[in-house]
């Protein structure tokens, strides 16, 4: 017998799909989790804003977040304009002392359409300025090296990554933000991620995150030690 969904079931399915499509920045992802948080009193709360590299970090190294006052707010596949839209909800409203921003690789891959280096830089500037205006210290992380994209054949990301990172280091220095340099610690001879630290050339393995963790902890300490 052929099963025909009820009108209500069909309507609910369409509504669900529309809601998902309409939530382009994925504001729903952390909304409930954010609502359960209390305002920090003495802890130096740190929010990690990012894409799949940040999103996967807490799964590969859960103790890094459990044993520190760190909140993971990464969403897989996201680009800087999506992060900028959810920056107030997923960073500012959580009252952190520091935000760690790791973003840009998916813009270069064209995940949400064509994106120039200038567009990436503009969105990073906006996130940093928004944080600063709300009393949040800023750690700007270099884009990780990548030689190619498994999901975007034909795109050469090498020079764009180098260009954004060079700009970011200069911008951070001029504006008294902290530049967290993952790139130099991870890059191989091809200007990509080495096979022992990544399975796909873009996302770190557990060993890759172990390289990154002391680097970002040092950057966070530096940000916390800065004077207003």
N, C-alpha and C. Protein backbone atom coordinates (compact mmCIF):
# COMPACT_ATOMS: atom_id res chain seq x y z
N UNK A 1 0.84 -1.20 0.00
CA UNK A 1 0.00 0.00 0.00
C UNK A 1 0.88 1.25 0.00
N UNK A 2 0.59 2.17 -0.86
CA UNK A 2 1.36 3.40 -0.94
C UNK A 2 0.99 4.32 0.20
N UNK A 3 2.01 4.74 0.96
CA UNK A 3 1.77 5.63 2.10
C UNK A 3 1.81 7.08 1.64
N UNK A 4 0.77 7.81 1.94
CA UNK A 4 0.71 9.23 1.61
C UNK A 4 0.72 10.03 2.88
N UNK A 5 1.73 10.86 3.11
CA UNK A 5 1.80 11.65 4.34
C UNK A 5 0.57 12.55 4.48
N UNK A 6 0.17 12.78 5.69
CA UNK A 6 -0.94 13.68 5.94
C UNK A 6 -0.56 15.10 5.54
N UNK A 7 -1.58 15.92 5.34
CA UNK A 7 -1.33 17.33 5.00
C UNK A 7 -0.48 17.99 6.08
N UNK A 8 -0.78 17.67 7.36
CA UNK A 8 -0.03 18.26 8.47
C UNK A 8 1.43 17.83 8.42
N UNK A 9 1.66 16.53 8.16
CA UNK A 9 3.03 16.02 8.11
C UNK A 9 3.81 16.69 6.99
N UNK A 10 3.13 16.85 5.82
CA UNK A 10 3.80 17.49 4.69
C UNK A 10 4.11 18.96 5.01
N UNK A 11 3.15 19.62 5.67
CA UNK A 11 3.34 21.03 6.04
C UNK A 11 4.48 21.18 7.03
N UNK A 12 4.52 20.29 8.04
CA UNK A 12 5.59 20.34 9.04
C UNK A 12 6.95 20.13 8.40
N UNK A 13 7.01 19.21 7.42
CA UNK A 13 8.28 18.93 6.74
C UNK A 13 8.76 20.15 5.96
N UNK A 14 7.81 20.78 5.25
CA UNK A 14 8.17 21.97 4.47
C UNK A 14 8.60 23.11 5.39
N UNK A 15 7.87 23.28 6.49
CA UNK A 15 8.19 24.33 7.46
C UNK A 15 9.58 24.12 8.04
N UNK A 16 9.90 22.87 8.39
CA UNK A 16 11.21 22.54 8.94
C UNK A 16 12.32 22.86 7.96
N UNK A 17 12.08 22.50 6.69
CA UNK A 17 13.09 22.76 5.66
C UNK A 17 13.27 24.25 5.44
N UNK A 18 12.15 25.01 5.45
CA UNK A 18 12.24 26.45 5.28
C UNK A 18 12.99 27.10 6.43
N UNK A 19 12.71 26.65 7.65
CA UNK A 19 13.39 27.20 8.82
C UNK A 19 14.88 26.96 8.74
N UNK A 20 15.26 25.75 8.30
CA UNK A 20 16.67 25.42 8.20
C UNK A 20 17.35 26.29 7.14
N UNK A 21 16.68 26.43 5.99
CA UNK A 21 17.26 27.24 4.92
C UNK A 21 17.33 28.71 5.30
N UNK A 22 16.36 29.16 6.08
CA UNK A 22 16.32 30.57 6.45
C UNK A 22 17.34 30.93 7.53
N UNK A 23 17.82 29.95 8.26
CA UNK A 23 18.80 30.21 9.33
C UNK A 23 20.21 30.08 8.76
N UNK A 24 20.53 30.98 7.84
CA UNK A 24 21.81 30.91 7.13
C UNK A 24 23.02 30.94 8.06
N UNK A 25 23.03 31.77 9.11
CA UNK A 25 24.19 31.77 10.02
C UNK A 25 24.14 30.68 11.08
N UNK A 26 23.07 29.86 11.06
CA UNK A 26 22.88 28.78 12.04
C UNK A 26 22.85 29.31 13.48
N UNK A 27 22.02 30.29 13.70
CA UNK A 27 21.86 30.86 15.03
C UNK A 27 21.26 29.86 16.01
N UNK A 28 20.57 28.87 15.48
CA UNK A 28 19.93 27.88 16.36
C UNK A 28 20.93 26.93 17.01
N UNK A 29 22.11 26.79 16.41
CA UNK A 29 23.06 25.76 16.84
C UNK A 29 23.37 25.85 18.34
N UNK A 30 23.70 27.02 18.82
CA UNK A 30 24.12 27.17 20.22
C UNK A 30 23.13 27.96 21.07
N UNK A 31 21.96 28.26 20.52
CA UNK A 31 21.01 29.12 21.23
C UNK A 31 20.61 28.54 22.59
N UNK A 32 20.24 27.28 22.62
CA UNK A 32 19.81 26.66 23.89
C UNK A 32 20.97 26.55 24.86
N UNK A 33 22.13 26.16 24.34
CA UNK A 33 23.32 26.03 25.18
C UNK A 33 23.72 27.38 25.78
N UNK A 34 23.62 28.42 24.98
CA UNK A 34 23.95 29.76 25.47
C UNK A 34 23.00 30.19 26.58
N UNK A 35 21.72 29.86 26.42
CA UNK A 35 20.70 30.28 27.39
C UNK A 35 20.93 29.65 28.77
N UNK A 36 21.61 28.52 28.80
CA UNK A 36 21.84 27.82 30.07
C UNK A 36 23.06 28.35 30.82
N UNK A 37 23.86 29.18 30.16
CA UNK A 37 25.07 29.70 30.79
C UNK A 37 24.73 30.83 31.76
N UNK A 38 25.48 30.87 32.84
CA UNK A 38 25.36 31.98 33.77
C UNK A 38 26.47 32.99 33.48
N UNK A 39 26.28 34.22 33.90
CA UNK A 39 27.30 35.24 33.70
C UNK A 39 28.52 34.89 34.55
N UNK A 40 29.70 34.84 33.95
CA UNK A 40 30.89 34.48 34.72
C UNK A 40 31.21 35.54 35.76
N UNK A 41 31.62 35.08 36.94
CA UNK A 41 31.96 36.03 38.01
C UNK A 41 33.47 36.24 38.09
N UNK A 42 34.21 35.17 38.36
CA UNK A 42 35.66 35.29 38.52
C UNK A 42 36.45 34.62 37.39
N UNK A 43 35.82 33.69 36.70
CA UNK A 43 36.57 32.95 35.68
C UNK A 43 36.89 33.82 34.46
N UNK A 44 38.02 33.54 33.85
CA UNK A 44 38.41 34.22 32.62
C UNK A 44 37.84 33.44 31.43
N UNK A 45 36.56 33.62 31.20
CA UNK A 45 35.89 32.87 30.12
C UNK A 45 36.47 33.25 28.77
N UNK A 46 36.68 32.23 27.95
CA UNK A 46 37.21 32.41 26.60
C UNK A 46 36.27 31.71 25.62
N UNK A 47 35.86 32.41 24.57
CA UNK A 47 35.02 31.81 23.54
C UNK A 47 35.86 31.60 22.28
N UNK A 48 35.80 30.38 21.77
CA UNK A 48 36.47 30.05 20.51
C UNK A 48 35.44 30.13 19.39
N UNK A 49 35.57 31.14 18.54
CA UNK A 49 34.67 31.33 17.40
C UNK A 49 35.34 30.80 16.14
N UNK A 50 34.64 29.94 15.41
CA UNK A 50 35.28 29.41 14.22
C UNK A 50 34.40 28.50 13.39
N UNK A 51 35.06 27.72 12.55
CA UNK A 51 34.39 26.81 11.62
C UNK A 51 34.58 25.36 12.07
N UNK A 52 34.73 24.44 11.12
CA UNK A 52 34.85 23.02 11.48
C UNK A 52 36.12 22.71 12.25
N UNK A 53 37.17 23.49 12.04
CA UNK A 53 38.42 23.25 12.77
C UNK A 53 38.19 23.50 14.26
N UNK A 54 37.42 24.53 14.58
CA UNK A 54 37.05 24.78 15.97
C UNK A 54 35.97 23.81 16.42
N UNK A 55 35.00 23.56 15.56
CA UNK A 55 33.89 22.66 15.87
C UNK A 55 34.40 21.27 16.25
N UNK A 56 35.40 20.79 15.51
CA UNK A 56 35.92 19.45 15.77
C UNK A 56 36.90 19.36 16.92
N UNK A 57 37.37 20.50 17.38
CA UNK A 57 38.39 20.55 18.42
C UNK A 57 37.91 19.91 19.71
N UNK A 58 36.68 20.24 20.11
CA UNK A 58 36.16 19.76 21.39
C UNK A 58 35.95 18.24 21.38
N UNK A 59 35.74 17.68 20.19
CA UNK A 59 35.59 16.23 20.08
C UNK A 59 36.94 15.53 20.10
N UNK A 60 37.93 16.12 19.47
CA UNK A 60 39.26 15.53 19.43
C UNK A 60 40.01 15.71 20.74
N UNK A 61 39.73 16.81 21.44
CA UNK A 61 40.44 17.12 22.67
C UNK A 61 39.48 17.69 23.72
N UNK A 62 38.54 16.88 24.20
CA UNK A 62 37.51 17.40 25.12
C UNK A 62 38.08 17.97 26.41
N UNK A 63 39.17 17.40 26.90
CA UNK A 63 39.75 17.88 28.16
C UNK A 63 40.29 19.30 28.04
N UNK A 64 40.67 19.69 26.85
CA UNK A 64 41.18 21.05 26.64
C UNK A 64 40.11 22.07 27.00
N UNK A 65 38.87 21.76 26.70
CA UNK A 65 37.76 22.66 27.02
C UNK A 65 37.22 22.38 28.42
N UNK A 66 37.20 21.13 28.81
CA UNK A 66 36.67 20.77 30.13
C UNK A 66 37.54 21.32 31.26
N UNK A 67 38.85 21.30 31.07
CA UNK A 67 39.78 21.70 32.13
C UNK A 67 40.14 23.19 32.10
N UNK A 68 39.56 23.92 31.17
CA UNK A 68 39.79 25.35 31.07
C UNK A 68 38.44 26.06 30.89
N UNK A 69 38.36 27.35 31.20
CA UNK A 69 37.09 28.08 31.05
C UNK A 69 36.84 28.46 29.60
N UNK A 70 36.88 27.45 28.72
CA UNK A 70 36.78 27.67 27.29
C UNK A 70 35.43 27.20 26.77
N UNK A 71 34.82 27.98 25.89
CA UNK A 71 33.58 27.61 25.23
C UNK A 71 33.83 27.47 23.74
N UNK A 72 33.46 26.34 23.17
CA UNK A 72 33.62 26.09 21.74
C UNK A 72 32.36 26.54 21.02
N UNK A 73 32.51 27.49 20.11
CA UNK A 73 31.39 27.97 19.31
C UNK A 73 31.72 27.88 17.81
N UNK A 74 32.33 26.77 17.44
CA UNK A 74 32.62 26.53 16.03
C UNK A 74 31.45 25.87 15.34
N UNK A 75 31.25 26.18 14.07
CA UNK A 75 30.22 25.54 13.26
C UNK A 75 30.84 25.13 11.93
N UNK A 76 30.75 23.86 11.63
CA UNK A 76 31.36 23.30 10.43
C UNK A 76 30.88 23.99 9.16
N UNK A 77 31.83 24.29 8.30
CA UNK A 77 31.51 24.84 6.99
C UNK A 77 31.32 26.34 6.94
N UNK A 78 31.35 27.02 8.09
CA UNK A 78 31.00 28.43 8.09
C UNK A 78 32.08 29.35 7.53
N UNK A 79 31.60 30.45 7.00
CA UNK A 79 32.45 31.50 6.47
C UNK A 79 32.37 32.73 7.38
N UNK A 80 33.24 33.70 7.15
CA UNK A 80 33.29 34.87 8.04
C UNK A 80 31.99 35.69 8.07
N UNK A 81 31.23 35.84 6.96
CA UNK A 81 29.99 36.59 7.08
C UNK A 81 28.97 35.89 7.97
N UNK A 82 28.94 34.57 7.95
CA UNK A 82 28.03 33.84 8.83
C UNK A 82 28.44 34.03 10.29
N UNK A 83 29.72 33.97 10.56
CA UNK A 83 30.21 34.16 11.92
C UNK A 83 29.93 35.57 12.42
N UNK A 84 30.07 36.54 11.53
CA UNK A 84 29.81 37.92 11.92
C UNK A 84 28.36 38.11 12.36
N UNK A 85 27.44 37.47 11.67
CA UNK A 85 26.02 37.59 12.02
C UNK A 85 25.75 37.01 13.41
N UNK A 86 26.39 35.89 13.74
CA UNK A 86 26.11 35.26 15.03
C UNK A 86 27.11 35.67 16.12
N UNK A 87 27.96 36.63 15.83
CA UNK A 87 29.02 37.00 16.76
C UNK A 87 28.47 37.56 18.06
N UNK A 88 27.41 38.35 17.98
CA UNK A 88 26.85 38.92 19.21
C UNK A 88 26.23 37.82 20.06
N UNK A 89 25.44 36.97 19.45
CA UNK A 89 24.78 35.90 20.20
C UNK A 89 25.78 34.90 20.79
N UNK A 90 26.75 34.48 19.98
CA UNK A 90 27.63 33.38 20.37
C UNK A 90 28.94 33.82 21.00
N UNK A 91 29.18 35.12 21.06
CA UNK A 91 30.39 35.64 21.71
C UNK A 91 30.04 36.74 22.71
N UNK A 92 29.64 37.88 22.22
CA UNK A 92 29.45 39.07 23.07
C UNK A 92 28.49 38.81 24.23
N UNK A 93 27.35 38.19 23.93
CA UNK A 93 26.34 37.97 24.96
C UNK A 93 26.77 36.97 26.03
N UNK A 94 27.85 36.24 25.78
CA UNK A 94 28.34 35.25 26.75
C UNK A 94 29.31 35.87 27.75
N UNK A 95 29.61 37.14 27.58
CA UNK A 95 30.46 37.90 28.51
C UNK A 95 31.84 37.29 28.73
N UNK A 96 32.55 36.94 27.65
CA UNK A 96 33.89 36.40 27.83
C UNK A 96 34.92 37.50 28.09
N UNK A 97 36.06 37.09 28.61
CA UNK A 97 37.18 38.02 28.71
C UNK A 97 37.94 38.07 27.39
N UNK A 98 37.94 36.93 26.68
CA UNK A 98 38.72 36.82 25.44
C UNK A 98 37.90 36.07 24.39
N UNK A 99 38.03 36.47 23.14
CA UNK A 99 37.52 35.69 22.02
C UNK A 99 38.69 35.26 21.15
N UNK A 100 38.68 34.00 20.76
CA UNK A 100 39.70 33.45 19.86
C UNK A 100 39.02 33.23 18.51
N UNK A 101 39.42 33.99 17.51
CA UNK A 101 38.77 33.93 16.20
C UNK A 101 39.66 33.16 15.22
N UNK A 102 39.13 32.07 14.70
CA UNK A 102 39.82 31.27 13.69
C UNK A 102 38.87 31.12 12.51
N UNK A 103 39.12 31.85 11.44
CA UNK A 103 38.16 31.92 10.34
C UNK A 103 38.84 32.28 9.03
N UNK A 104 38.17 31.97 7.93
CA UNK A 104 38.63 32.41 6.62
C UNK A 104 38.87 31.31 5.61
N UNK A 105 39.17 30.10 6.07
CA UNK A 105 39.50 29.04 5.12
C UNK A 105 38.31 28.67 4.24
N UNK A 106 37.10 28.69 4.80
CA UNK A 106 35.93 28.35 4.01
C UNK A 106 35.53 29.45 3.04
N UNK A 107 35.88 30.70 3.38
CA UNK A 107 35.68 31.80 2.43
C UNK A 107 36.53 31.56 1.20
N UNK A 108 37.78 31.17 1.43
CA UNK A 108 38.70 30.91 0.32
C UNK A 108 38.21 29.75 -0.51
N UNK A 109 37.58 28.77 0.13
CA UNK A 109 37.02 27.63 -0.58
C UNK A 109 35.73 27.97 -1.31
N UNK A 110 35.15 29.13 -1.01
CA UNK A 110 33.92 29.53 -1.68
C UNK A 110 32.68 28.84 -1.16
N UNK A 111 32.67 28.48 0.11
CA UNK A 111 31.54 27.73 0.67
C UNK A 111 30.21 28.45 0.57
N UNK A 112 30.23 29.78 0.70
CA UNK A 112 28.98 30.54 0.59
C UNK A 112 29.04 31.52 -0.58
N UNK A 113 29.79 31.13 -1.59
CA UNK A 113 29.92 31.97 -2.78
C UNK A 113 31.30 32.58 -2.88
N UNK A 114 31.58 33.22 -3.99
CA UNK A 114 32.90 33.83 -4.20
C UNK A 114 33.22 34.84 -3.11
N UNK A 115 34.47 34.83 -2.66
CA UNK A 115 34.89 35.74 -1.60
C UNK A 115 36.32 36.18 -1.85
N UNK A 116 36.54 37.46 -1.84
CA UNK A 116 37.88 37.99 -2.05
C UNK A 116 38.63 38.07 -0.72
N UNK A 117 39.93 38.24 -0.80
CA UNK A 117 40.74 38.43 0.40
C UNK A 117 40.26 39.65 1.17
N UNK A 118 39.93 40.73 0.44
CA UNK A 118 39.44 41.95 1.09
C UNK A 118 38.15 41.70 1.87
N UNK A 119 37.27 40.89 1.33
CA UNK A 119 36.02 40.57 2.01
C UNK A 119 36.28 39.82 3.32
N UNK A 120 37.22 38.89 3.28
CA UNK A 120 37.58 38.14 4.49
C UNK A 120 38.13 39.10 5.53
N UNK A 121 39.04 39.95 5.10
CA UNK A 121 39.66 40.91 6.01
C UNK A 121 38.62 41.85 6.62
N UNK A 122 37.68 42.31 5.82
CA UNK A 122 36.65 43.22 6.32
C UNK A 122 35.81 42.56 7.41
N UNK A 123 35.45 41.31 7.22
CA UNK A 123 34.64 40.60 8.21
C UNK A 123 35.43 40.34 9.49
N UNK A 124 36.71 40.04 9.35
CA UNK A 124 37.55 39.85 10.52
C UNK A 124 37.71 41.17 11.29
N UNK A 125 37.86 42.26 10.56
CA UNK A 125 37.93 43.58 11.19
C UNK A 125 36.66 43.85 11.99
N UNK A 126 35.52 43.57 11.40
CA UNK A 126 34.24 43.84 12.06
C UNK A 126 34.08 43.01 13.33
N UNK A 127 34.47 41.75 13.29
CA UNK A 127 34.38 40.91 14.50
C UNK A 127 35.31 41.43 15.58
N UNK A 128 36.53 41.78 15.20
CA UNK A 128 37.49 42.29 16.18
C UNK A 128 37.02 43.61 16.79
N UNK A 129 36.49 44.49 15.96
CA UNK A 129 36.02 45.78 16.46
C UNK A 129 34.80 45.63 17.35
N UNK A 130 33.91 44.71 17.00
CA UNK A 130 32.74 44.45 17.82
C UNK A 130 33.14 43.93 19.19
N UNK A 131 34.12 43.03 19.21
CA UNK A 131 34.62 42.50 20.48
C UNK A 131 35.23 43.61 21.33
N UNK A 132 36.10 44.39 20.71
CA UNK A 132 36.78 45.47 21.44
C UNK A 132 35.78 46.47 22.01
N UNK A 133 34.76 46.81 21.25
CA UNK A 133 33.76 47.78 21.69
C UNK A 133 32.98 47.28 22.90
N UNK A 134 32.99 45.96 23.09
CA UNK A 134 32.27 45.36 24.21
C UNK A 134 33.20 44.84 25.30
N UNK A 135 34.44 45.31 25.28
CA UNK A 135 35.38 44.97 26.35
C UNK A 135 35.93 43.57 26.32
N UNK A 136 35.91 42.95 25.14
CA UNK A 136 36.43 41.58 25.00
C UNK A 136 37.79 41.62 24.32
N UNK A 137 38.78 41.01 24.94
CA UNK A 137 40.12 40.93 24.34
C UNK A 137 40.08 40.03 23.11
N UNK A 138 40.90 40.36 22.12
CA UNK A 138 40.85 39.66 20.83
C UNK A 138 42.13 38.89 20.54
N UNK A 139 41.95 37.61 20.22
CA UNK A 139 43.03 36.79 19.69
C UNK A 139 42.65 36.43 18.26
N UNK A 140 43.44 36.89 17.30
CA UNK A 140 43.20 36.60 15.89
C UNK A 140 44.14 35.50 15.43
N UNK A 141 43.57 34.39 15.01
CA UNK A 141 44.38 33.21 14.66
C UNK A 141 44.65 33.15 13.16
N UNK A 142 45.88 32.83 12.83
CA UNK A 142 46.23 32.62 11.44
C UNK A 142 45.39 31.48 10.85
N UNK A 143 45.07 31.61 9.58
CA UNK A 143 44.42 30.51 8.88
C UNK A 143 45.43 29.37 8.78
N UNK A 144 44.97 28.16 9.02
CA UNK A 144 45.87 27.01 8.94
C UNK A 144 46.29 26.77 7.49
N UNK A 145 47.48 26.24 7.29
CA UNK A 145 47.91 25.95 5.92
C UNK A 145 47.02 24.89 5.27
N UNK A 146 46.82 25.04 3.97
CA UNK A 146 46.08 24.04 3.18
C UNK A 146 46.59 24.10 1.75
N UNK A 147 46.88 22.96 1.19
CA UNK A 147 47.40 22.89 -0.17
C UNK A 147 46.27 22.80 -1.19
N UNK A 148 45.17 22.17 -0.77
CA UNK A 148 44.00 22.01 -1.64
C UNK A 148 42.79 21.69 -0.77
N UNK A 149 41.59 21.69 -1.40
CA UNK A 149 40.36 21.37 -0.70
C UNK A 149 39.75 20.08 -1.25
N UNK A 150 39.52 19.08 -0.42
CA UNK A 150 38.91 17.83 -0.90
C UNK A 150 37.52 18.06 -1.49
N UNK A 151 36.80 19.07 -1.00
CA UNK A 151 35.42 19.32 -1.45
C UNK A 151 35.33 20.42 -2.51
N UNK A 152 36.46 21.04 -2.87
CA UNK A 152 36.47 22.11 -3.87
C UNK A 152 37.68 21.94 -4.79
N UNK A 153 37.56 20.98 -5.69
CA UNK A 153 38.66 20.70 -6.61
C UNK A 153 38.91 21.91 -7.51
N UNK A 154 40.18 22.16 -7.77
CA UNK A 154 40.54 23.23 -8.70
C UNK A 154 40.86 24.56 -8.05
N UNK A 155 40.62 24.68 -6.74
CA UNK A 155 40.94 25.91 -6.04
C UNK A 155 42.32 25.78 -5.39
N UNK A 156 43.18 26.75 -5.64
CA UNK A 156 44.50 26.79 -5.01
C UNK A 156 44.47 27.82 -3.88
N UNK A 157 44.45 27.37 -2.64
CA UNK A 157 44.29 28.31 -1.53
C UNK A 157 45.59 28.89 -0.98
N UNK A 158 46.72 28.39 -1.43
CA UNK A 158 47.99 28.68 -0.77
C UNK A 158 48.27 30.18 -0.64
N UNK A 159 48.24 30.90 -1.75
CA UNK A 159 48.61 32.31 -1.71
C UNK A 159 47.59 33.17 -0.98
N UNK A 160 46.32 32.81 -1.09
CA UNK A 160 45.29 33.57 -0.37
C UNK A 160 45.47 33.43 1.14
N UNK A 161 45.80 32.23 1.59
CA UNK A 161 46.04 32.00 3.01
C UNK A 161 47.23 32.84 3.48
N UNK A 162 48.31 32.81 2.72
CA UNK A 162 49.50 33.58 3.07
C UNK A 162 49.18 35.07 3.13
N UNK A 163 48.40 35.55 2.17
CA UNK A 163 48.07 36.97 2.08
C UNK A 163 47.22 37.42 3.27
N UNK A 164 46.19 36.62 3.61
CA UNK A 164 45.33 36.98 4.74
C UNK A 164 46.13 36.95 6.04
N UNK A 165 46.96 35.93 6.20
CA UNK A 165 47.75 35.83 7.43
C UNK A 165 48.73 36.99 7.58
N UNK A 166 49.35 37.39 6.48
CA UNK A 166 50.28 38.53 6.53
C UNK A 166 49.54 39.80 6.95
N UNK A 167 48.37 40.01 6.35
CA UNK A 167 47.56 41.18 6.72
C UNK A 167 47.13 41.09 8.19
N UNK A 168 46.69 39.91 8.61
CA UNK A 168 46.18 39.74 9.96
C UNK A 168 47.24 40.03 11.02
N UNK A 169 48.43 39.57 10.79
CA UNK A 169 49.52 39.83 11.73
C UNK A 169 49.77 41.32 11.88
N UNK A 170 49.76 42.04 10.75
CA UNK A 170 49.98 43.48 10.77
C UNK A 170 48.81 44.21 11.43
N UNK A 171 47.59 43.82 11.09
CA UNK A 171 46.40 44.43 11.66
C UNK A 171 46.35 44.25 13.17
N UNK A 172 46.66 43.04 13.63
CA UNK A 172 46.64 42.76 15.06
C UNK A 172 47.65 43.63 15.80
N UNK A 173 48.84 43.76 15.24
CA UNK A 173 49.88 44.56 15.88
C UNK A 173 49.48 46.03 15.96
N UNK A 174 48.88 46.55 14.90
CA UNK A 174 48.51 47.97 14.87
C UNK A 174 47.37 48.29 15.83
N UNK A 175 46.53 47.29 16.11
CA UNK A 175 45.34 47.53 16.92
C UNK A 175 45.41 46.90 18.31
N UNK A 176 46.59 46.44 18.67
CA UNK A 176 46.82 45.88 20.00
C UNK A 176 45.97 44.63 20.27
N UNK A 177 45.80 43.83 19.22
CA UNK A 177 45.21 42.52 19.37
C UNK A 177 46.34 41.49 19.39
N UNK A 178 46.04 40.28 19.78
CA UNK A 178 47.06 39.23 19.81
C UNK A 178 46.94 38.38 18.55
N UNK A 179 48.06 38.17 17.90
CA UNK A 179 48.10 37.31 16.72
C UNK A 179 48.58 35.93 17.13
N UNK A 180 47.76 34.92 16.89
CA UNK A 180 48.08 33.53 17.25
C UNK A 180 48.53 32.80 15.99
N UNK A 181 49.81 32.49 15.92
CA UNK A 181 50.40 31.98 14.69
C UNK A 181 50.46 30.44 14.67
N UNK A 182 49.36 29.84 14.24
CA UNK A 182 49.35 28.39 14.04
C UNK A 182 50.12 28.01 12.78
N UNK A 183 50.05 28.89 11.79
CA UNK A 183 50.54 28.57 10.45
C UNK A 183 51.99 28.07 10.46
N UNK A 184 52.87 28.84 11.07
CA UNK A 184 54.29 28.49 11.03
C UNK A 184 54.58 27.17 11.75
N UNK A 185 53.77 26.82 12.73
CA UNK A 185 53.99 25.59 13.49
C UNK A 185 53.45 24.36 12.76
N UNK A 186 52.58 24.58 11.77
CA UNK A 186 51.92 23.45 11.12
C UNK A 186 52.30 23.25 9.66
N UNK A 187 52.82 24.27 9.00
CA UNK A 187 53.02 24.22 7.55
C UNK A 187 54.13 23.25 7.14
N UNK A 188 53.91 22.56 6.02
CA UNK A 188 54.93 21.66 5.48
C UNK A 188 55.59 22.28 4.25
N UNK A 189 56.40 21.52 3.56
CA UNK A 189 57.17 22.05 2.42
C UNK A 189 56.27 22.48 1.27
N UNK A 190 55.07 21.88 1.16
CA UNK A 190 54.15 22.24 0.08
C UNK A 190 53.27 23.43 0.47
N UNK A 191 53.49 23.96 1.68
CA UNK A 191 52.65 25.01 2.24
C UNK A 191 51.24 24.50 2.53
N UNK A 192 51.19 23.24 2.95
CA UNK A 192 49.94 22.62 3.37
C UNK A 192 50.12 22.01 4.75
N UNK A 193 49.11 21.26 5.19
CA UNK A 193 49.21 20.55 6.46
C UNK A 193 49.89 19.21 6.23
N UNK A 194 50.87 18.85 7.05
CA UNK A 194 51.55 17.57 6.88
C UNK A 194 50.63 16.39 7.17
N UNK A 195 50.91 15.27 6.53
CA UNK A 195 50.04 14.09 6.64
C UNK A 195 49.95 13.55 8.07
N UNK A 196 50.97 13.78 8.87
CA UNK A 196 50.95 13.27 10.25
C UNK A 196 50.09 14.12 11.18
N UNK A 197 49.64 15.28 10.67
CA UNK A 197 48.81 16.16 11.49
C UNK A 197 47.41 16.37 10.91
N UNK A 198 47.15 15.80 9.74
CA UNK A 198 45.84 15.95 9.11
C UNK A 198 45.59 14.81 8.14
N UNK A 199 44.35 14.32 8.14
CA UNK A 199 44.00 13.23 7.23
C UNK A 199 43.55 13.73 5.87
N UNK A 200 43.01 14.96 5.84
CA UNK A 200 42.47 15.48 4.58
C UNK A 200 43.19 16.74 4.09
N UNK A 201 44.21 17.16 4.82
CA UNK A 201 44.96 18.33 4.40
C UNK A 201 44.37 19.66 4.83
N UNK A 202 43.25 19.62 5.55
CA UNK A 202 42.58 20.84 5.99
C UNK A 202 42.30 20.82 7.49
N UNK A 203 41.80 19.69 7.97
CA UNK A 203 41.39 19.58 9.37
C UNK A 203 42.46 18.86 10.20
N UNK A 204 42.84 19.42 11.33
CA UNK A 204 43.87 18.77 12.16
C UNK A 204 43.36 17.46 12.77
N UNK A 205 44.29 16.55 12.97
CA UNK A 205 44.00 15.34 13.75
C UNK A 205 44.21 15.69 15.22
N UNK A 206 44.04 14.71 16.08
CA UNK A 206 44.29 14.94 17.50
C UNK A 206 45.71 15.44 17.72
N UNK A 207 46.65 14.90 16.95
CA UNK A 207 48.04 15.33 17.07
C UNK A 207 48.20 16.79 16.61
N UNK A 208 47.43 17.17 15.60
CA UNK A 208 47.47 18.55 15.14
C UNK A 208 46.97 19.52 16.19
N UNK A 209 45.89 19.14 16.85
CA UNK A 209 45.36 20.00 17.92
C UNK A 209 46.34 20.10 19.09
N UNK A 210 47.08 19.06 19.33
CA UNK A 210 48.07 19.10 20.42
C UNK A 210 49.17 20.12 20.12
N UNK A 211 49.47 20.30 18.83
CA UNK A 211 50.43 21.33 18.45
C UNK A 211 49.82 22.72 18.67
N UNK A 212 48.55 22.86 18.36
CA UNK A 212 47.88 24.16 18.43
C UNK A 212 47.60 24.62 19.86
N UNK A 213 47.33 23.69 20.74
CA UNK A 213 46.86 24.06 22.09
C UNK A 213 47.84 24.92 22.89
N UNK A 214 49.11 24.58 22.99
CA UNK A 214 50.01 25.47 23.74
C UNK A 214 50.19 26.82 23.08
N UNK A 215 50.06 26.87 21.77
CA UNK A 215 50.19 28.14 21.04
C UNK A 215 49.04 29.07 21.40
N UNK A 216 47.82 28.54 21.39
CA UNK A 216 46.67 29.40 21.69
C UNK A 216 46.59 29.73 23.18
N UNK A 217 47.02 28.82 24.03
CA UNK A 217 47.01 29.13 25.47
C UNK A 217 47.97 30.28 25.77
N UNK A 218 49.09 30.30 25.11
CA UNK A 218 50.04 31.40 25.27
C UNK A 218 49.43 32.71 24.77
N UNK A 219 48.71 32.64 23.64
CA UNK A 219 48.08 33.83 23.08
C UNK A 219 46.99 34.35 24.00
N UNK A 220 46.22 33.44 24.60
CA UNK A 220 45.16 33.84 25.53
C UNK A 220 45.77 34.51 26.76
N UNK A 221 46.82 33.93 27.28
CA UNK A 221 47.51 34.53 28.44
C UNK A 221 48.02 35.92 28.11
N UNK A 222 48.53 36.09 26.91
CA UNK A 222 49.02 37.39 26.48
C UNK A 222 47.87 38.40 26.40
N UNK A 223 46.72 37.96 25.88
CA UNK A 223 45.56 38.85 25.78
C UNK A 223 45.05 39.24 27.16
N UNK A 224 44.99 38.29 28.06
CA UNK A 224 44.51 38.57 29.42
C UNK A 224 45.45 39.52 30.16
N UNK A 225 46.71 39.49 29.80
CA UNK A 225 47.69 40.35 30.47
C UNK A 225 47.78 41.76 29.93
N UNK A 226 47.05 42.01 28.82
CA UNK A 226 47.09 43.34 28.22
C UNK A 226 46.33 44.34 29.08
N UNK A 227 46.82 45.55 29.12
CA UNK A 227 46.13 46.63 29.82
C UNK A 227 45.06 47.21 28.91
N UNK A 228 44.05 47.80 29.54
CA UNK A 228 42.95 48.42 28.77
C UNK A 228 43.50 49.61 27.97
